[in-house]
Amino acid sequence: MDIRQDVLILILLAGLVTWIPRVLPFIVLHRLKVPQVVAEFLSFVPVCLLGALSIQSLFVHEAGQFSLSSEHILAAVPTILTAIFSRSLVSTVIVGVLSMALVRYFS
């Protein structure tokens, strides 16, 4: 298989464009000393994002209206319980993926 040079350059540039906005804030904020209030506020951002993405996935858009997805709710129950009791992101993700796989396999 031959790799064309223009495609390789395009892939590398696309990776760079994706990498810069993810790394640049860390580099800039690493050198800045943020107030304690801001640091405490930012500590909640990952939890908020994960919650928003999780809740959003429970709803399905069909025929111009939103409805709850029974598949996603069935998979969410053991995932939420795992998150509450284990407080481990890895365990929660594994249980979530397995739960969704089992729900889709049996439905």
PDB file of N, CA and C in Angstrom:
ATOM      1  N   MET A   1       0.842  -1.162   0.000  1.00  0.00           N
ATOM      2  CA  MET A   1       0.000   0.000   0.000  1.00  0.00           C
ATOM      3  C   MET A   1       0.897   1.238   0.000  1.00  0.00           C
ATOM      4  N   ASP A   2       0.633   2.136  -0.909  1.00  0.00           N
ATOM      5  CA  ASP A   2       1.389   3.380  -0.999  1.00  0.00           C
ATOM      6  C   ASP A   2       0.685   4.484  -0.233  1.00  0.00           C
ATOM      7  N   ILE A   3       1.465   5.291   0.446  1.00  0.00           N
ATOM      8  CA  ILE A   3       0.936   6.449   1.151  1.00  0.00           C
ATOM      9  C   ILE A   3       1.335   7.685   0.366  1.00  0.00           C
ATOM     10  N   ARG A   4       0.333   8.411  -0.087  1.00  0.00           N
ATOM     11  CA  ARG A   4       0.631   9.635  -0.825  1.00  0.00           C
ATOM     12  C   ARG A   4       1.121  10.690   0.141  1.00  0.00           C
ATOM     13  N   GLN A   5       2.084  11.469  -0.310  1.00  0.00           N
ATOM     14  CA  GLN A   5       2.704  12.478   0.550  1.00  0.00           C
ATOM     15  C   GLN A   5       1.706  13.552   0.959  1.00  0.00           C
ATOM     16  N   ASP A   6       0.821  13.971   0.065  1.00  0.00           N
ATOM     17  CA  ASP A   6      -0.143  15.010   0.409  1.00  0.00           C
ATOM     18  C   ASP A   6      -1.147  14.522   1.456  1.00  0.00           C
ATOM     19  N   VAL A   7      -1.522  13.243   1.393  1.00  0.00           N
ATOM     20  CA  VAL A   7      -2.441  12.691   2.388  1.00  0.00           C
ATOM     21  C   VAL A   7      -1.746  12.592   3.749  1.00  0.00           C
ATOM     22  N   LEU A   8      -0.492  12.176   3.752  1.00  0.00           N
ATOM     23  CA  LEU A   8       0.262  12.087   4.994  1.00  0.00           C
ATOM     24  C   LEU A   8       0.412  13.464   5.635  1.00  0.00           C
ATOM     25  N   ILE A   9       0.720  14.473   4.842  1.00  0.00           N
ATOM     26  CA  ILE A   9       0.840  15.844   5.366  1.00  0.00           C
ATOM     27  C   ILE A   9      -0.497  16.325   5.907  1.00  0.00           C
ATOM     28  N   LEU A  10      -1.570  16.014   5.215  1.00  0.00           N
ATOM     29  CA  LEU A  10      -2.907  16.396   5.676  1.00  0.00           C
ATOM     30  C   LEU A  10      -3.237  15.745   7.020  1.00  0.00           C
ATOM     31  N   ILE A  11      -2.910  14.475   7.165  1.00  0.00           N
ATOM     32  CA  ILE A  11      -3.171  13.771   8.430  1.00  0.00           C
ATOM     33  C   ILE A  11      -2.341  14.375   9.555  1.00  0.00           C
ATOM     34  N   LEU A  12      -1.078  14.659   9.297  1.00  0.00           N
ATOM     35  CA  LEU A  12      -0.224  15.257  10.324  1.00  0.00           C
ATOM     36  C   LEU A  12      -0.703  16.657  10.709  1.00  0.00           C
ATOM     37  N   LEU A  13      -1.106  17.461   9.747  1.00  0.00           N
ATOM     38  CA  LEU A  13      -1.618  18.800  10.056  1.00  0.00           C
ATOM     39  C   LEU A  13      -2.939  18.731  10.816  1.00  0.00           C
ATOM     40  N   ALA A  14      -3.803  17.790  10.446  1.00  0.00           N
ATOM     41  CA  ALA A  14      -5.062  17.619  11.177  1.00  0.00           C
ATOM     42  C   ALA A  14      -4.791  17.207  12.622  1.00  0.00           C
ATOM     43  N   GLY A  15      -3.804  16.348  12.819  1.00  0.00           N
ATOM     44  CA  GLY A  15      -3.425  15.977  14.184  1.00  0.00           C
ATOM     45  C   GLY A  15      -2.886  17.156  14.967  1.00  0.00           C
ATOM     46  N   LEU A  16      -2.107  17.994  14.313  1.00  0.00           N
ATOM     47  CA  LEU A  16      -1.562  19.189  14.968  1.00  0.00           C
ATOM     48  C   LEU A  16      -2.679  20.160  15.347  1.00  0.00           C
ATOM     49  N   VAL A  17      -3.626  20.353  14.445  1.00  0.00           N
ATOM     50  CA  VAL A  17      -4.749  21.256  14.721  1.00  0.00           C
ATOM     51  C   VAL A  17      -5.590  20.715  15.874  1.00  0.00           C
ATOM     52  N   THR A  18      -5.715  19.422  15.985  1.00  0.00           N
ATOM     53  CA  THR A  18      -6.452  18.827  17.100  1.00  0.00           C
ATOM     54  C   THR A  18      -5.656  18.913  18.394  1.00  0.00           C
ATOM     55  N   TRP A  19      -4.366  18.755  18.310  1.00  0.00           N
ATOM     56  CA  TRP A  19      -3.501  18.723  19.482  1.00  0.00           C
ATOM     57  C   TRP A  19      -3.327  20.111  20.118  1.00  0.00           C
ATOM     58  N   ILE A  20      -3.190  21.150  19.307  1.00  0.00           N
ATOM     59  CA  ILE A  20      -2.908  22.503  19.819  1.00  0.00           C
ATOM     60  C   ILE A  20      -3.968  22.985  20.816  1.00  0.00           C
ATOM     61  N   PRO A  21      -5.280  22.947  20.499  1.00  0.00           N
ATOM     62  CA  PRO A  21      -6.244  23.455  21.485  1.00  0.00           C
ATOM     63  C   PRO A  21      -6.349  22.599  22.746  1.00  0.00           C
ATOM     64  N   ARG A  22      -5.868  21.387  22.702  1.00  0.00           N
ATOM     65  CA  ARG A  22      -5.909  20.541  23.893  1.00  0.00           C
ATOM     66  C   ARG A  22      -4.694  20.767  24.789  1.00  0.00           C
ATOM     67  N   VAL A  23      -3.554  21.065  24.204  1.00  0.00           N
ATOM     68  CA  VAL A  23      -2.320  21.193  24.967  1.00  0.00           C
ATOM     69  C   VAL A  23      -2.018  22.648  25.336  1.00  0.00           C
ATOM     70  N   LEU A  24      -2.331  23.564  24.453  1.00  0.00           N
ATOM     71  CA  LEU A  24      -2.008  24.972  24.690  1.00  0.00           C
ATOM     72  C   LEU A  24      -2.599  25.515  25.994  1.00  0.00           C
ATOM     73  N   PRO A  25      -3.866  25.238  26.332  1.00  0.00           N
ATOM     74  CA  PRO A  25      -4.379  25.728  27.623  1.00  0.00           C
ATOM     75  C   PRO A  25      -3.598  25.185  28.823  1.00  0.00           C
ATOM     76  N   PHE A  26      -3.160  23.937  28.754  1.00  0.00           N
ATOM     77  CA  PHE A  26      -2.370  23.388  29.857  1.00  0.00           C
ATOM     78  C   PHE A  26      -1.040  24.113  29.994  1.00  0.00           C
ATOM     79  N   ILE A  27      -0.414  24.410  28.874  1.00  0.00           N
ATOM     80  CA  ILE A  27       0.865  25.121  28.909  1.00  0.00           C
ATOM     81  C   ILE A  27       0.688  26.521  29.482  1.00  0.00           C
ATOM     82  N   VAL A  28      -0.358  27.219  29.037  1.00  0.00           N
ATOM     83  CA  VAL A  28      -0.601  28.592  29.510  1.00  0.00           C
ATOM     84  C   VAL A  28      -0.999  28.593  30.978  1.00  0.00           C
ATOM     85  N   LEU A  29      -1.926  27.735  31.362  1.00  0.00           N
ATOM     86  CA  LEU A  29      -2.409  27.731  32.745  1.00  0.00           C
ATOM     87  C   LEU A  29      -1.371  27.180  33.708  1.00  0.00           C
ATOM     88  N   HIS A  30      -0.458  26.372  33.224  1.00  0.00           N
ATOM     89  CA  HIS A  30       0.584  25.828  34.088  1.00  0.00           C
ATOM     90  C   HIS A  30       1.478  26.941  34.640  1.00  0.00           C
ATOM     91  N   ARG A  31       1.677  27.952  33.850  1.00  0.00           N
ATOM     92  CA  ARG A  31       2.545  29.054  34.262  1.00  0.00           C
ATOM     93  C   ARG A  31       1.803  30.111  35.088  1.00  0.00           C
ATOM     94  N   LEU A  32       0.485  30.100  35.024  1.00  0.00           N
ATOM     95  CA  LEU A  32      -0.300  31.085  35.772  1.00  0.00           C
ATOM     96  C   LEU A  32      -0.702  30.530  37.130  1.00  0.00           C
ATOM     97  N   LYS A  33      -0.752  31.393  38.094  1.00  0.00           N
ATOM     98  CA  LYS A  33      -1.248  31.025  39.418  1.00  0.00           C
ATOM     99  C   LYS A  33      -2.686  31.523  39.518  1.00  0.00           C
ATOM    100  N   VAL A  34      -3.632  30.591  39.498  1.00  0.00           N
ATOM    101  CA  VAL A  34      -5.035  30.975  39.567  1.00  0.00           C
ATOM    102  C   VAL A  34      -5.470  31.048  41.030  1.00  0.00           C
ATOM    103  N   PRO A  35      -6.417  31.937  41.337  1.00  0.00           N
ATOM    104  CA  PRO A  35      -6.920  32.014  42.710  1.00  0.00           C
ATOM    105  C   PRO A  35      -7.578  30.701  43.145  1.00  0.00           C
ATOM    106  N   GLN A  36      -7.591  30.463  44.427  1.00  0.00           N
ATOM    107  CA  GLN A  36      -8.147  29.224  44.982  1.00  0.00           C
ATOM    108  C   GLN A  36      -9.612  29.045  44.582  1.00  0.00           C
ATOM    109  N   VAL A  37     -10.368  30.123  44.535  1.00  0.00           N
ATOM    110  CA  VAL A  37     -11.786  30.044  44.166  1.00  0.00           C
ATOM    111  C   VAL A  37     -11.931  29.525  42.733  1.00  0.00           C
ATOM    112  N   VAL A  38     -11.101  30.018  41.842  1.00  0.00           N
ATOM    113  CA  VAL A  38     -11.140  29.572  40.448  1.00  0.00           C
ATOM    114  C   VAL A  38     -10.724  28.100  40.346  1.00  0.00           C
ATOM    115  N   ALA A  39      -9.699  27.711  41.074  1.00  0.00           N
ATOM    116  CA  ALA A  39      -9.254  26.316  41.059  1.00  0.00           C
ATOM    117  C   ALA A  39     -10.348  25.384  41.573  1.00  0.00           C
ATOM    118  N   GLU A  40     -11.046  25.789  42.628  1.00  0.00           N
ATOM    119  CA  GLU A  40     -12.145  24.968  43.150  1.00  0.00           C
ATOM    120  C   GLU A  40     -13.282  24.881  42.144  1.00  0.00           C
ATOM    121  N   PHE A  41     -13.592  26.014  41.502  1.00  0.00           N
ATOM    122  CA  PHE A  41     -14.650  26.016  40.487  1.00  0.00           C
ATOM    123  C   PHE A  41     -14.291  25.089  39.325  1.00  0.00           C
ATOM    124  N   LEU A  42     -13.065  25.168  38.845  1.00  0.00           N
ATOM    125  CA  LEU A  42     -12.635  24.344  37.718  1.00  0.00           C
ATOM    126  C   LEU A  42     -12.582  22.859  38.068  1.00  0.00           C
ATOM    127  N   SER A  43     -12.466  22.540  39.347  1.00  0.00           N
ATOM    128  CA  SER A  43     -12.440  21.121  39.726  1.00  0.00           C
ATOM    129  C   SER A  43     -13.779  20.436  39.456  1.00  0.00           C
ATOM    130  N   PHE A  44     -14.865  21.217  39.334  1.00  0.00           N
ATOM    131  CA  PHE A  44     -16.184  20.641  39.076  1.00  0.00           C
ATOM    132  C   PHE A  44     -16.482  20.499  37.588  1.00  0.00           C
ATOM    133  N   VAL A  45     -15.669  21.073  36.728  1.00  0.00           N
ATOM    134  CA  VAL A  45     -15.942  21.054  35.295  1.00  0.00           C
ATOM    135  C   VAL A  45     -16.015  19.634  34.738  1.00  0.00           C
ATOM    136  N   PRO A  46     -15.060  18.736  35.016  1.00  0.00           N
ATOM    137  CA  PRO A  46     -15.190  17.381  34.454  1.00  0.00           C
ATOM    138  C   PRO A  46     -16.467  16.670  34.895  1.00  0.00           C
ATOM    139  N   VAL A  47     -16.877  16.856  36.142  1.00  0.00           N
ATOM    140  CA  VAL A  47     -18.101  16.221  36.635  1.00  0.00           C
ATOM    141  C   VAL A  47     -19.305  16.769  35.888  1.00  0.00           C
ATOM    142  N   CYS A  48     -19.324  18.083  35.677  1.00  0.00           N
ATOM    143  CA  CYS A  48     -20.437  18.709  34.960  1.00  0.00           C
ATOM    144  C   CYS A  48     -20.505  18.231  33.513  1.00  0.00           C
ATOM    145  N   LEU A  49     -19.352  18.160  32.871  1.00  0.00           N
ATOM    146  CA  LEU A  49     -19.336  17.706  31.482  1.00  0.00           C
ATOM    147  C   LEU A  49     -19.786  16.258  31.362  1.00  0.00           C
ATOM    148  N   LEU A  50     -19.292  15.408  32.242  1.00  0.00           N
ATOM    149  CA  LEU A  50     -19.676  14.002  32.206  1.00  0.00           C
ATOM    150  C   LEU A  50     -21.172  13.850  32.468  1.00  0.00           C
ATOM    151  N   GLY A  51     -21.684  14.617  33.423  1.00  0.00           N
ATOM    152  CA  GLY A  51     -23.120  14.578  33.711  1.00  0.00           C
ATOM    153  C   GLY A  51     -23.953  15.046  32.529  1.00  0.00           C
ATOM    154  N   ALA A  52     -23.546  16.137  31.905  1.00  0.00           N
ATOM    155  CA  ALA A  52     -24.285  16.664  30.757  1.00  0.00           C
ATOM    156  C   ALA A  52     -24.268  15.682  29.588  1.00  0.00           C
ATOM    157  N   LEU A  53     -23.118  15.097  29.316  1.00  0.00           N
ATOM    158  CA  LEU A  53     -23.040  14.126  28.221  1.00  0.00           C
ATOM    159  C   LEU A  53     -23.855  12.872  28.525  1.00  0.00           C
ATOM    160  N   SER A  54     -23.847  12.451  29.777  1.00  0.00           N
ATOM    161  CA  SER A  54     -24.586  11.245  30.155  1.00  0.00           C
ATOM    162  C   SER A  54     -26.090  11.469  30.057  1.00  0.00           C
ATOM    163  N   ILE A  55     -26.570  12.570  30.609  1.00  0.00           N
ATOM    164  CA  ILE A  55     -28.007  12.868  30.572  1.00  0.00           C
ATOM    165  C   ILE A  55     -28.468  13.057  29.135  1.00  0.00           C
ATOM    166  N   GLN A  56     -27.656  13.724  28.329  1.00  0.00           N
ATOM    167  CA  GLN A  56     -28.006  13.965  26.935  1.00  0.00           C
ATOM    168  C   GLN A  56     -28.169  12.657  26.172  1.00  0.00           C
ATOM    169  N   SER A  57     -27.399  11.655  26.518  1.00  0.00           N
ATOM    170  CA  SER A  57     -27.474  10.389  25.794  1.00  0.00           C
ATOM    171  C   SER A  57     -28.724   9.579  26.149  1.00  0.00           C
ATOM    172  N   LEU A  58     -29.424   9.949  27.204  1.00  0.00           N
ATOM    173  CA  LEU A  58     -30.644   9.231  27.574  1.00  0.00           C
ATOM    174  C   LEU A  58     -31.822   9.603  26.680  1.00  0.00           C
ATOM    175  N   PHE A  59     -31.719  10.736  25.997  1.00  0.00           N
ATOM    176  CA  PHE A  59     -32.813  11.207  25.158  1.00  0.00           C
ATOM    177  C   PHE A  59     -32.546  10.900  23.687  1.00  0.00           C
ATOM    178  N   VAL A  60     -33.631  10.548  22.978  1.00  0.00           N
ATOM    179  CA  VAL A  60     -33.550  10.242  21.556  1.00  0.00           C
ATOM    180  C   VAL A  60     -34.454  11.219  20.814  1.00  0.00           C
ATOM    181  N   HIS A  61     -33.966  11.767  19.714  1.00  0.00           N
ATOM    182  CA  HIS A  61     -34.753  12.706  18.920  1.00  0.00           C
ATOM    183  C   HIS A  61     -35.369  11.960  17.742  1.00  0.00           C
ATOM    184  N   GLU A  62     -36.695  11.858  17.759  1.00  0.00           N
ATOM    185  CA  GLU A  62     -37.418  11.181  16.686  1.00  0.00           C
ATOM    186  C   GLU A  62     -38.645  11.986  16.322  1.00  0.00           C
ATOM    187  N   ALA A  63     -38.878  12.134  15.047  1.00  0.00           N
ATOM    188  CA  ALA A  63     -40.086  12.788  14.523  1.00  0.00           C
ATOM    189  C   ALA A  63     -40.316  14.158  15.158  1.00  0.00           C
ATOM    190  N   GLY A  64     -39.267  14.920  15.333  1.00  0.00           N
ATOM    191  CA  GLY A  64     -39.402  16.276  15.838  1.00  0.00           C
ATOM    192  C   GLY A  64     -39.609  16.400  17.333  1.00  0.00           C
ATOM    193  N   GLN A  65     -39.509  15.320  18.072  1.00  0.00           N
ATOM    194  CA  GLN A  65     -39.673  15.403  19.525  1.00  0.00           C
ATOM    195  C   GLN A  65     -38.656  14.505  20.219  1.00  0.00           C
ATOM    196  N   PHE A  66     -38.423  14.798  21.483  1.00  0.00           N
ATOM    197  CA  PHE A  66     -37.476  14.023  22.269  1.00  0.00           C
ATOM    198  C   PHE A  66     -38.222  13.000  23.112  1.00  0.00           C
ATOM    199  N   SER A  67     -37.624  11.831  23.260  1.00  0.00           N
ATOM    200  CA  SER A  67     -38.183  10.801  24.128  1.00  0.00           C
ATOM    201  C   SER A  67     -37.039  10.112  24.848  1.00  0.00           C
ATOM    202  N   LEU A  68     -37.362   9.466  25.943  1.00  0.00           N
ATOM    203  CA  LEU A  68     -36.347   8.732  26.689  1.00  0.00           C
ATOM    204  C   LEU A  68     -36.066   7.407  26.014  1.00  0.00           C
ATOM    205  N   SER A  69     -34.814   7.040  25.966  1.00  0.00           N
ATOM    206  CA  SER A  69     -34.400   5.777  25.365  1.00  0.00           C
ATOM    207  C   SER A  69     -34.355   4.710  26.447  1.00  0.00           C
ATOM    208  N   SER A  70     -35.207   3.704  26.317  1.00  0.00           N
ATOM    209  CA  SER A  70     -35.247   2.646  27.334  1.00  0.00           C
ATOM    210  C   SER A  70     -33.938   1.855  27.360  1.00  0.00           C
ATOM    211  N   GLU A  71     -33.302   1.682  26.192  1.00  0.00           N
ATOM    212  CA  GLU A  71     -32.007   0.985  26.156  1.00  0.00           C
ATOM    213  C   GLU A  71     -30.975   1.720  26.996  1.00  0.00           C
ATOM    214  N   HIS A  72     -30.900   3.021  26.796  1.00  0.00           N
ATOM    215  CA  HIS A  72     -29.900   3.810  27.513  1.00  0.00           C
ATOM    216  C   HIS A  72     -30.194   3.887  29.011  1.00  0.00           C
ATOM    217  N   ILE A  73     -31.457   3.933  29.359  1.00  0.00           N
ATOM    218  CA  ILE A  73     -31.812   3.971  30.782  1.00  0.00           C
ATOM    219  C   ILE A  73     -31.440   2.653  31.448  1.00  0.00           C
ATOM    220  N   LEU A  74     -31.721   1.531  30.783  1.00  0.00           N
ATOM    221  CA  LEU A  74     -31.349   0.224  31.347  1.00  0.00           C
ATOM    222  C   LEU A  74     -29.843   0.093  31.528  1.00  0.00           C
ATOM    223  N   ALA A  75     -29.080   0.631  30.606  1.00  0.00           N
ATOM    224  CA  ALA A  75     -27.625   0.569  30.729  1.00  0.00           C
ATOM    225  C   ALA A  75     -27.116   1.579  31.749  1.00  0.00           C
ATOM    226  N   ALA A  76     -27.840   2.677  31.934  1.00  0.00           N
ATOM    227  CA  ALA A  76     -27.391   3.729  32.844  1.00  0.00           C
ATOM    228  C   ALA A  76     -27.525   3.328  34.314  1.00  0.00           C
ATOM    229  N   VAL A  77     -28.515   2.527  34.641  1.00  0.00           N
ATOM    230  CA  VAL A  77     -28.753   2.175  36.050  1.00  0.00           C
ATOM    231  C   VAL A  77     -27.542   1.486  36.682  1.00  0.00           C
ATOM    232  N   PRO A  78     -27.027   0.380  36.124  1.00  0.00           N
ATOM    233  CA  PRO A  78     -25.847  -0.227  36.749  1.00  0.00           C
ATOM    234  C   PRO A  78     -24.606   0.667  36.662  1.00  0.00           C
ATOM    235  N   THR A  79     -24.546   1.483  35.617  1.00  0.00           N
ATOM    236  CA  THR A  79     -23.395   2.380  35.469  1.00  0.00           C
ATOM    237  C   THR A  79     -23.388   3.435  36.559  1.00  0.00           C
ATOM    238  N   ILE A  80     -24.543   4.022  36.829  1.00  0.00           N
ATOM    239  CA  ILE A  80     -24.642   5.041  37.878  1.00  0.00           C
ATOM    240  C   ILE A  80     -24.358   4.427  39.242  1.00  0.00           C
ATOM    241  N   LEU A  81     -24.897   3.237  39.486  1.00  0.00           N
ATOM    242  CA  LEU A  81     -24.639   2.570  40.766  1.00  0.00           C
ATOM    243  C   LEU A  81     -23.150   2.263  40.937  1.00  0.00           C
ATOM    244  N   THR A  82     -22.507   1.852  39.862  1.00  0.00           N
ATOM    245  CA  THR A  82     -21.064   1.601  39.923  1.00  0.00           C
ATOM    246  C   THR A  82     -20.297   2.888  40.217  1.00  0.00           C
ATOM    247  N   ALA A  83     -20.709   3.978  39.583  1.00  0.00           N
ATOM    248  CA  ALA A  83     -20.041   5.259  39.810  1.00  0.00           C
ATOM    249  C   ALA A  83     -20.196   5.717  41.252  1.00  0.00           C
ATOM    250  N   ILE A  84     -21.382   5.531  41.811  1.00  0.00           N
ATOM    251  CA  ILE A  84     -21.638   5.968  43.183  1.00  0.00           C
ATOM    252  C   ILE A  84     -20.834   5.141  44.183  1.00  0.00           C
ATOM    253  N   PHE A  85     -20.852   3.824  44.007  1.00  0.00           N
ATOM    254  CA  PHE A  85     -20.231   2.971  45.014  1.00  0.00           C
ATOM    255  C   PHE A  85     -18.730   2.775  44.828  1.00  0.00           C
ATOM    256  N   SER A  86     -18.246   2.768  43.588  1.00  0.00           N
ATOM    257  CA  SER A  86     -16.820   2.525  43.394  1.00  0.00           C
ATOM    258  C   SER A  86     -16.010   3.817  43.316  1.00  0.00           C
ATOM    259  N   ARG A  87     -16.627   4.885  42.819  1.00  0.00           N
ATOM    260  CA  ARG A  87     -15.944   6.169  42.604  1.00  0.00           C
ATOM    261  C   ARG A  87     -14.700   5.989  41.732  1.00  0.00           C
ATOM    262  N   SER A  88     -14.783   5.037  40.829  1.00  0.00           N
ATOM    263  CA  SER A  88     -13.674   4.747  39.916  1.00  0.00           C
ATOM    264  C   SER A  88     -14.159   4.979  38.486  1.00  0.00           C
ATOM    265  N   LEU A  89     -13.468   5.856  37.781  1.00  0.00           N
ATOM    266  CA  LEU A  89     -13.861   6.151  36.406  1.00  0.00           C
ATOM    267  C   LEU A  89     -13.687   4.930  35.514  1.00  0.00           C
ATOM    268  N   VAL A  90     -12.614   4.186  35.710  1.00  0.00           N
ATOM    269  CA  VAL A  90     -12.360   3.005  34.879  1.00  0.00           C
ATOM    270  C   VAL A  90     -13.460   1.968  35.079  1.00  0.00           C
ATOM    271  N   SER A  91     -13.804   1.689  36.322  1.00  0.00           N
ATOM    272  CA  SER A  91     -14.868   0.720  36.602  1.00  0.00           C
ATOM    273  C   SER A  91     -16.193   1.183  36.022  1.00  0.00           C
ATOM    274  N   THR A  92     -16.477   2.469  36.150  1.00  0.00           N
ATOM    275  CA  THR A  92     -17.732   3.013  35.643  1.00  0.00           C
ATOM    276  C   THR A  92     -17.812   2.882  34.127  1.00  0.00           C
ATOM    277  N   VAL A  93     -16.743   3.196  33.445  1.00  0.00           N
ATOM    278  CA  VAL A  93     -16.730   3.093  31.978  1.00  0.00           C
ATOM    279  C   VAL A  93     -16.880   1.641  31.544  1.00  0.00           C
ATOM    280  N   ILE A  94     -16.178   0.744  32.203  1.00  0.00           N
ATOM    281  CA  ILE A  94     -16.268  -0.679  31.838  1.00  0.00           C
ATOM    282  C   ILE A  94     -17.683  -1.203  32.053  1.00  0.00           C
ATOM    283  N   VAL A  95     -18.281  -0.888  33.200  1.00  0.00           N
ATOM    284  CA  VAL A  95     -19.649  -1.341  33.472  1.00  0.00           C
ATOM    285  C   VAL A  95     -20.622  -0.710  32.470  1.00  0.00           C
ATOM    286  N   GLY A  96     -20.418   0.556  32.132  1.00  0.00           N
ATOM    287  CA  GLY A  96     -21.289   1.216  31.165  1.00  0.00           C
ATOM    288  C   GLY A  96     -21.227   0.572  29.792  1.00  0.00           C
ATOM    289  N   VAL A  97     -20.030   0.295  29.325  1.00  0.00           N
ATOM    290  CA  VAL A  97     -19.870  -0.334  28.005  1.00  0.00           C
ATOM    291  C   VAL A  97     -20.457  -1.742  28.013  1.00  0.00           C
ATOM    292  N   LEU A  98     -20.161  -2.507  29.053  1.00  0.00           N
ATOM    293  CA  LEU A  98     -20.704  -3.869  29.136  1.00  0.00           C
ATOM    294  C   LEU A  98     -22.227  -3.859  29.267  1.00  0.00           C
ATOM    295  N   SER A  99     -22.750  -2.925  30.053  1.00  0.00           N
ATOM    296  CA  SER A  99     -24.206  -2.839  30.219  1.00  0.00           C
ATOM    297  C   SER A  99     -24.885  -2.539  28.890  1.00  0.00           C
ATOM    298  N   MET A 100     -24.346  -1.588  28.158  1.00  0.00           N
ATOM    299  CA  MET A 100     -24.945  -1.232  26.865  1.00  0.00           C
ATOM    300  C   MET A 100     -24.829  -2.389  25.883  1.00  0.00           C
ATOM    301  N   ALA A 101     -23.698  -3.086  25.909  1.00  0.00           N
ATOM    302  CA  ALA A 101     -23.520  -4.237  25.025  1.00  0.00           C
ATOM    303  C   ALA A 101     -24.546  -5.332  25.352  1.00  0.00           C
ATOM    304  N   LEU A 102     -24.744  -5.597  26.629  1.00  0.00           N
ATOM    305  CA  LEU A 102     -25.710  -6.620  27.020  1.00  0.00           C
ATOM    306  C   LEU A 102     -27.144  -6.212  26.677  1.00  0.00           C
ATOM    307  N   VAL A 103     -27.469  -4.956  26.909  1.00  0.00           N
ATOM    308  CA  VAL A 103     -28.825  -4.482  26.592  1.00  0.00           C
ATOM    309  C   VAL A 103     -29.082  -4.611  25.092  1.00  0.00           C
ATOM    310  N   ARG A 104     -28.117  -4.221  24.283  1.00  0.00           N
ATOM    311  CA  ARG A 104     -28.303  -4.310  22.828  1.00  0.00           C
ATOM    312  C   ARG A 104     -28.274  -5.755  22.343  1.00  0.00           C
ATOM    313  N   TYR A 105     -27.525  -6.603  22.995  1.00  0.00           N
ATOM    314  CA  TYR A 105     -27.480  -8.020  22.609  1.00  0.00           C
ATOM    315  C   TYR A 105     -28.816  -8.694  22.857  1.00  0.00           C
ATOM    316  N   PHE A 106     -29.433  -8.404  24.001  1.00  0.00           N
ATOM    317  CA  PHE A 106     -30.685  -9.071  24.374  1.00  0.00           C
ATOM    318  C   PHE A 106     -31.936  -8.365  23.877  1.00  0.00           C
ATOM    319  N   SER A 107     -31.794  -7.217  23.228  1.00  0.00           N
ATOM    320  CA  SER A 107     -33.008  -6.556  22.722  1.00  0.00           C
ATOM    321  C   SER A 107     -33.117  -6.661  21.224  1.00  0.00           C
TER     322      SER A 107
END
